[in-house]
Amino acid sequence: MSRVMIIGAGGVATVVAHKVASHPEIFSEVMIASRTQSKCDAIIKSLEQRGLKKAQWESA
């Protein structure tokens, strides 16, 4: 299992986060780094609404 960091929280990052989170057998932890915490929160909320497990965020 691997950890991955997605830098940015725009449209492409959202798609990447969903794709990565849909493969928990490969990626055990997803970290989203962005200047805007609210964008990270929005991605996490959308992942949780789809029933995907834990996502961690980091705003920088």
Protein backbone atom coordinates (compact mmCIF):
# COMPACT_ATOMS: atom_id res chain seq x y z
CA MET A 1 0.00 0.00 0.00
CA SER A 2 1.22 3.46 -0.89
CA ARG A 3 0.57 7.03 0.10
CA VAL A 4 -0.02 9.72 -2.50
CA MET A 5 -0.01 13.51 -2.34
CA ILE A 6 -2.09 15.49 -4.79
CA ILE A 7 -0.89 19.07 -5.15
CA GLY A 8 -3.70 21.46 -5.94
CA ALA A 9 -7.44 21.16 -5.46
CA GLY A 10 -8.93 22.23 -8.78
CA GLY A 11 -10.95 20.24 -11.28
CA VAL A 12 -8.17 17.92 -12.41
CA ALA A 13 -7.09 17.27 -8.82
CA THR A 14 -10.68 16.32 -7.95
CA VAL A 15 -10.79 13.74 -10.74
CA VAL A 16 -7.38 12.38 -9.72
CA ALA A 17 -8.46 12.17 -6.06
CA HIS A 18 -11.55 10.16 -6.99
CA LYS A 19 -9.54 7.82 -9.21
CA VAL A 20 -6.84 7.29 -6.56
CA ALA A 21 -9.35 6.81 -3.74
CA SER A 22 -11.25 4.21 -5.76
CA HIS A 23 -8.18 1.93 -5.58
CA PRO A 24 -7.57 1.44 -1.83
CA GLU A 25 -5.68 -1.77 -2.53
CA ILE A 26 -2.97 0.37 -4.14
CA PHE A 27 -3.25 3.69 -2.29
CA SER A 28 -3.72 3.49 1.48
CA GLU A 29 -3.63 7.24 2.13
CA VAL A 30 -4.48 10.28 0.03
CA MET A 31 -3.16 13.71 1.00
CA ILE A 32 -4.38 16.83 -0.78
CA ALA A 33 -2.17 19.92 -0.55
CA SER A 34 -3.61 23.27 -1.56
CA ARG A 35 -3.47 26.93 -0.61
CA THR A 36 -7.24 26.86 -0.08
CA GLN A 37 -8.48 24.62 2.72
CA SER A 38 -12.11 24.94 1.59
CA LYS A 39 -11.24 23.33 -1.76
CA CYS A 40 -9.60 20.42 0.06
CA ASP A 41 -12.70 20.09 2.23
CA ALA A 42 -14.91 20.04 -0.88
CA ILE A 43 -12.90 17.18 -2.41
CA ILE A 44 -13.02 15.22 0.85
CA LYS A 45 -16.77 15.77 1.12
CA SER A 46 -17.31 14.52 -2.43
CA LEU A 47 -15.19 11.43 -1.70
CA GLU A 48 -17.20 10.70 1.45
CA GLN A 49 -20.51 11.15 -0.42
CA ARG A 50 -19.41 8.47 -2.87
CA GLY A 51 -18.74 6.16 0.05
CA LEU A 52 -14.97 6.24 -0.28
CA LYS A 53 -12.99 5.86 2.89
CA LYS A 54 -10.76 8.19 4.84
CA ALA A 55 -9.00 11.01 3.08
CA GLN A 56 -6.49 13.28 4.74
CA TRP A 57 -5.85 16.82 3.67
CA GLU A 58 -3.08 19.29 4.21
CA SER A 59 -3.33 22.92 3.24
CA ALA A 60 -0.17 24.82 2.46
